[in-house]
Amino acid sequence: MALINCSECGKEVSDKAASCPNCGNPIVDSLNSDNSVSDGDSELLEFPELPSDLNVGKQIVNWGFDAAIKGFYDRMENTISAIPHGEINVVLHTHGIQVYKGLTFFPIHNSQIISIKTASKGEIVSANKSVIGRAVAGGLILGPLGAIVGGMSGIGSKDKFVDRYYLIINYWDISTKSAQTILISGQKGQIDAFLGRHEKEKQINVSEDRVAEQNSTPPWAIICIIIIIVSLFVIIAT
């Protein structure tokens, strides 16, 4: 028997319990739902035949505050060096997502995404310490786990951020042809809304046979426009 964190209330509970004694959240069903890929199956995953065009399409306008996330990418919790450490943005496009900071952009096409979900830091650390080969290989994290969770659990259980939530993106890396993981911490409500919108846009792609168009206003252009406008205001004010 091992202790894990309840996904609802965050309190410790036995991984053998049918439900959380504190809030009633089903524990066994939750763990089983994460076991869509077994330990052996994760090792047998083969790099798929991806489309030749990995254009993520136009950026979804964030009118409903569900098409973008402001989060934090910690190099101690990740192994992808192409994404800068610190505060980053994750924006939804019609055919994928894009992580960016400043003039650094990291697009991921829907066909590359193995799974995209959310979990608390406590759940991720507990998965490594107590349920290894279950939630980890079951689709929670498919990338190089040691470096990721090692950075997380190094601070200890008293870490004040132990209950922070993460957007977890498991995807196929084109250059290495292997499964990789990106962990981005953020507000749970924003992450949940983003995941719901992402699924909705995927359904629209299928039902309307939507084709990925070139994004007419990329993030770097928006940033440049903002800088120009601010500079004009400064010049006028002086």
Protein backbone atom coordinates (compact mmCIF):
# COMPACT_ATOMS: atom_id res chain seq x y z
CA MET A 1 0.00 0.00 0.00
CA ALA A 2 1.21 3.52 -0.79
CA LEU A 3 -0.07 7.02 -0.19
CA ILE A 4 -1.05 9.24 -3.10
CA ASN A 5 -2.65 12.67 -3.35
CA CYS A 6 -6.37 12.84 -4.11
CA SER A 7 -6.92 14.59 -7.44
CA GLU A 8 -9.85 16.57 -5.99
CA CYS A 9 -8.92 17.68 -2.45
CA GLY A 10 -5.16 17.05 -2.60
CA LYS A 11 -5.06 15.15 0.71
CA GLU A 12 -3.15 11.90 1.14
CA VAL A 13 -5.07 8.67 0.68
CA SER A 14 -4.18 5.00 0.15
CA ASP A 15 -3.78 3.99 -3.50
CA LYS A 16 -5.85 0.90 -2.62
CA ALA A 17 -8.85 2.94 -1.42
CA ALA A 18 -12.00 2.83 -3.52
CA SER A 19 -12.64 6.51 -2.82
CA CYS A 20 -11.14 9.42 -0.90
CA PRO A 21 -12.40 9.40 2.72
CA ASN A 22 -12.17 13.20 2.78
CA CYS A 23 -14.14 14.21 -0.33
CA GLY A 24 -15.49 10.96 -1.80
CA ASN A 25 -13.53 11.24 -5.06
CA PRO A 26 -13.15 7.73 -6.62
CA ILE A 27 -9.49 6.67 -6.36
CA VAL A 28 -9.36 3.27 -8.04
CA ASP A 29 -11.34 4.45 -11.07
CA SER A 30 -9.11 7.50 -11.37
CA LEU A 31 -5.96 5.38 -11.37
CA ASN A 32 -7.44 2.89 -13.81
CA SER A 33 -8.42 5.69 -16.19
CA ASP A 34 -4.77 6.74 -16.29
CA ASN A 35 -3.74 3.21 -17.22
CA SER A 36 -4.80 3.46 -20.85
CA VAL A 37 -1.19 2.63 -21.72
CA SER A 38 0.54 -0.03 -19.63
CA ASP A 39 4.23 -0.09 -18.77
CA GLY A 40 4.94 -2.59 -21.53
CA ASP A 41 2.72 -0.81 -24.03
CA SER A 42 4.53 2.49 -23.50
CA GLU A 43 7.80 0.84 -24.51
CA LEU A 44 6.14 -0.55 -27.63
CA LEU A 45 4.86 2.80 -28.87
CA GLU A 46 6.21 3.38 -32.33
CA PHE A 47 6.77 6.70 -34.01
CA PRO A 48 3.69 7.24 -36.19
CA GLU A 49 3.51 8.31 -39.80
CA LEU A 50 2.89 12.02 -39.41
CA PRO A 51 1.42 14.24 -42.13
CA SER A 52 3.91 16.08 -44.31
CA ASP A 53 2.24 19.39 -43.41
CA LEU A 54 2.53 20.07 -39.67
CA ASN A 55 1.13 23.58 -39.89
CA VAL A 56 -0.85 24.22 -36.68
CA GLY A 57 -3.19 26.62 -38.47
CA LYS A 58 -4.61 29.91 -37.34
CA GLN A 59 -4.52 31.00 -33.73
CA ILE A 60 -7.88 30.73 -31.97
CA VAL A 61 -9.10 34.09 -30.70
CA ASN A 62 -9.19 34.03 -26.91
CA TRP A 63 -12.52 35.80 -26.45
CA GLY A 64 -13.75 33.14 -24.01
CA PHE A 65 -10.45 33.09 -22.07
CA ASP A 66 -10.11 29.38 -22.90
CA ALA A 67 -7.73 29.46 -25.86
CA ALA A 68 -4.55 30.56 -24.11
CA ILE A 69 -2.67 29.90 -20.89
CA LYS A 70 -0.05 31.91 -19.06
CA GLY A 71 2.15 29.41 -17.28
CA PHE A 72 5.64 28.67 -16.03
CA TYR A 73 8.16 26.39 -17.71
CA ASP A 74 10.75 25.18 -15.21
CA ARG A 75 13.96 23.71 -16.65
CA MET A 76 14.37 21.67 -13.43
CA GLU A 77 11.11 19.89 -14.28
CA ASN A 78 11.66 19.52 -18.03
CA THR A 79 14.22 18.29 -20.50
CA ILE A 80 13.22 20.25 -23.63
CA SER A 81 15.94 22.90 -24.00
CA ALA A 82 14.24 24.58 -26.98
CA ILE A 83 11.70 26.20 -24.62
CA PRO A 84 13.13 29.03 -22.45
CA HIS A 85 12.92 28.85 -18.67
CA GLY A 86 10.38 31.13 -17.03
CA GLU A 87 6.94 32.51 -17.74
CA ILE A 88 5.59 31.34 -21.09
CA ASN A 89 2.37 31.37 -23.10
CA VAL A 90 0.52 28.40 -24.53
CA VAL A 91 -1.90 29.35 -27.30
CA LEU A 92 -4.43 27.22 -29.11
CA HIS A 93 -4.46 26.96 -32.90
CA THR A 94 -6.99 25.22 -35.11
CA HIS A 95 -4.71 22.23 -35.66
CA GLY A 96 -2.42 22.24 -32.67
CA ILE A 97 -0.88 24.33 -29.94
CA GLN A 98 2.08 26.67 -29.71
CA VAL A 99 4.30 27.40 -26.72
CA TYR A 100 6.09 30.71 -26.96
CA LYS A 101 8.12 33.24 -25.02
CA GLY A 102 9.33 36.42 -26.66
CA LEU A 103 10.54 35.44 -30.11
CA THR A 104 10.90 31.74 -29.31
CA PHE A 105 8.09 29.56 -30.68
CA PHE A 106 7.49 25.86 -30.18
CA PRO A 107 4.54 24.57 -32.23
CA ILE A 108 3.08 21.08 -31.74
CA HIS A 109 0.66 19.71 -34.34
CA ASN A 110 -2.34 17.69 -33.16
CA SER A 111 -0.99 14.62 -34.94
CA GLN A 112 2.13 14.80 -32.76
CA ILE A 113 0.17 14.90 -29.50
CA ILE A 114 -0.02 11.54 -27.75
CA SER A 115 -1.96 12.92 -24.80
CA ILE A 116 -2.65 16.28 -23.24
CA LYS A 117 -4.02 16.47 -19.70
CA THR A 118 -3.63 18.02 -16.28
CA ALA A 119 -2.41 16.78 -12.90
CA SER A 120 -1.18 18.25 -9.65
CA LYS A 121 2.47 18.20 -8.66
CA GLY A 122 1.56 15.88 -5.81
CA GLU A 123 0.00 13.40 -8.24
CA ILE A 124 3.05 13.43 -10.50
CA VAL A 125 5.54 12.95 -7.66
CA SER A 126 3.36 10.26 -6.05
CA ALA A 127 3.10 8.50 -9.39
CA ASN A 128 6.87 8.21 -9.50
CA LYS A 129 7.36 7.23 -5.86
CA SER A 130 4.37 5.03 -5.22
CA VAL A 131 2.67 3.92 -8.43
CA ILE A 132 5.59 3.65 -10.82
CA GLY A 133 4.64 1.83 -14.01
CA ARG A 134 1.00 2.74 -13.43
CA ALA A 135 0.10 6.43 -13.78
CA VAL A 136 3.53 7.22 -15.22
CA ALA A 137 3.52 4.75 -18.09
CA GLY A 138 -0.26 5.02 -18.22
CA GLY A 139 -0.12 8.25 -20.14
CA LEU A 140 0.66 10.77 -17.39
CA ILE A 141 4.30 11.13 -18.41
CA LEU A 142 5.90 9.41 -21.39
CA GLY A 143 9.15 11.35 -21.66
CA PRO A 144 12.46 10.95 -19.77
CA LEU A 145 10.87 10.66 -16.32
CA GLY A 146 13.97 10.63 -14.12
CA ALA A 147 15.13 14.15 -14.91
CA ILE A 148 11.61 15.56 -14.75
CA VAL A 149 10.34 14.10 -11.49
CA GLY A 150 13.81 14.27 -9.97
CA GLY A 151 13.68 18.05 -10.21
CA MET A 152 10.19 18.09 -8.80
CA SER A 153 10.73 15.87 -5.78
CA GLY A 154 14.15 17.24 -4.89
CA ILE A 155 12.70 20.06 -2.79
CA GLY A 156 10.68 17.67 -0.64
CA SER A 157 7.08 17.25 0.38
CA LYS A 158 7.07 20.52 2.31
CA ASP A 159 7.45 22.49 -0.91
CA LYS A 160 4.75 25.17 -0.83
CA PHE A 161 4.05 24.50 -4.51
CA VAL A 162 3.33 20.80 -4.00
CA ASP A 163 -0.31 21.32 -5.02
CA ARG A 164 0.34 23.41 -8.12
CA TYR A 165 -1.23 22.10 -11.31
CA TYR A 166 0.39 21.30 -14.62
CA LEU A 167 -0.52 21.13 -18.26
CA ILE A 168 1.09 17.85 -19.33
CA ILE A 169 1.80 17.47 -23.04
CA ASN A 170 3.07 14.09 -24.23
CA TYR A 171 4.05 14.37 -27.87
CA TRP A 172 6.17 12.87 -30.64
CA ASP A 173 9.42 14.74 -31.18
CA ILE A 174 10.19 14.84 -34.90
CA SER A 175 13.98 15.10 -34.64
CA THR A 176 14.46 12.22 -32.18
CA LYS A 177 11.33 10.25 -33.22
CA SER A 178 10.62 9.58 -29.56
CA ALA A 179 7.91 10.40 -27.04
CA GLN A 180 8.65 13.53 -25.01
CA THR A 181 6.90 15.36 -22.20
CA ILE A 182 6.39 19.06 -21.49
CA LEU A 183 5.23 20.19 -18.05
CA ILE A 184 3.86 23.72 -17.70
CA SER A 185 2.51 24.88 -14.34
CA GLY A 186 -0.49 27.19 -14.21
CA GLN A 187 -3.93 27.81 -12.80
CA LYS A 188 -6.10 24.71 -12.77
CA GLY A 189 -9.19 26.57 -14.02
CA GLN A 190 -7.34 27.98 -17.02
CA ILE A 191 -5.81 24.60 -17.85
CA ASP A 192 -9.17 22.80 -17.64
CA ALA A 193 -10.80 25.42 -19.87
CA PHE A 194 -7.93 25.21 -22.37
CA LEU A 195 -8.18 21.41 -22.55
CA GLY A 196 -11.93 21.62 -23.12
CA ARG A 197 -11.49 24.14 -25.93
CA HIS A 198 -8.71 22.08 -27.51
CA GLU A 199 -11.00 19.06 -27.68
CA LYS A 200 -13.80 21.19 -29.12
CA GLU A 201 -11.56 22.53 -31.89
CA LYS A 202 -10.42 19.01 -32.76
CA GLN A 203 -14.06 17.97 -33.16
CA ILE A 204 -14.69 20.97 -35.43
CA ASN A 205 -11.73 19.93 -37.59
CA VAL A 206 -13.38 16.55 -38.13
CA SER A 207 -17.03 17.63 -38.49
CA GLU A 208 -16.28 20.56 -40.81
CA ASP A 209 -13.26 19.01 -42.53
CA ARG A 210 -11.37 22.17 -41.60
CA VAL A 211 -8.03 22.71 -43.31
CA ALA A 212 -5.10 24.29 -41.49
CA GLU A 213 -4.60 27.80 -42.80
CA GLN A 214 -1.49 29.87 -42.35
CA ASN A 215 -1.72 32.05 -39.25
CA SER A 216 -2.04 35.56 -40.65
CA THR A 217 -0.98 37.25 -37.41
CA PRO A 218 1.72 35.23 -35.63
CA PRO A 219 2.56 36.06 -31.99
CA TRP A 220 5.86 37.73 -32.88
CA ALA A 221 3.99 40.18 -35.14
CA ILE A 222 1.56 41.03 -32.35
CA ILE A 223 4.48 41.65 -29.99
CA CYS A 224 6.13 43.95 -32.52
CA ILE A 225 2.91 45.90 -33.01
CA ILE A 226 2.54 46.37 -29.25
CA ILE A 227 6.14 47.58 -28.95
CA ILE A 228 5.63 50.06 -31.78
CA ILE A 229 2.41 51.41 -30.23
CA VAL A 230 4.03 51.77 -26.80
CA SER A 231 7.04 53.51 -28.35
CA LEU A 232 4.76 55.98 -30.13
CA PHE A 233 2.99 56.80 -26.88
CA VAL A 234 6.34 57.38 -25.17
CA ILE A 235 7.49 59.69 -28.00
CA ILE A 236 4.23 61.64 -27.90
CA ALA A 237 4.35 61.92 -24.11
CA THR A 238 7.88 63.32 -24.18
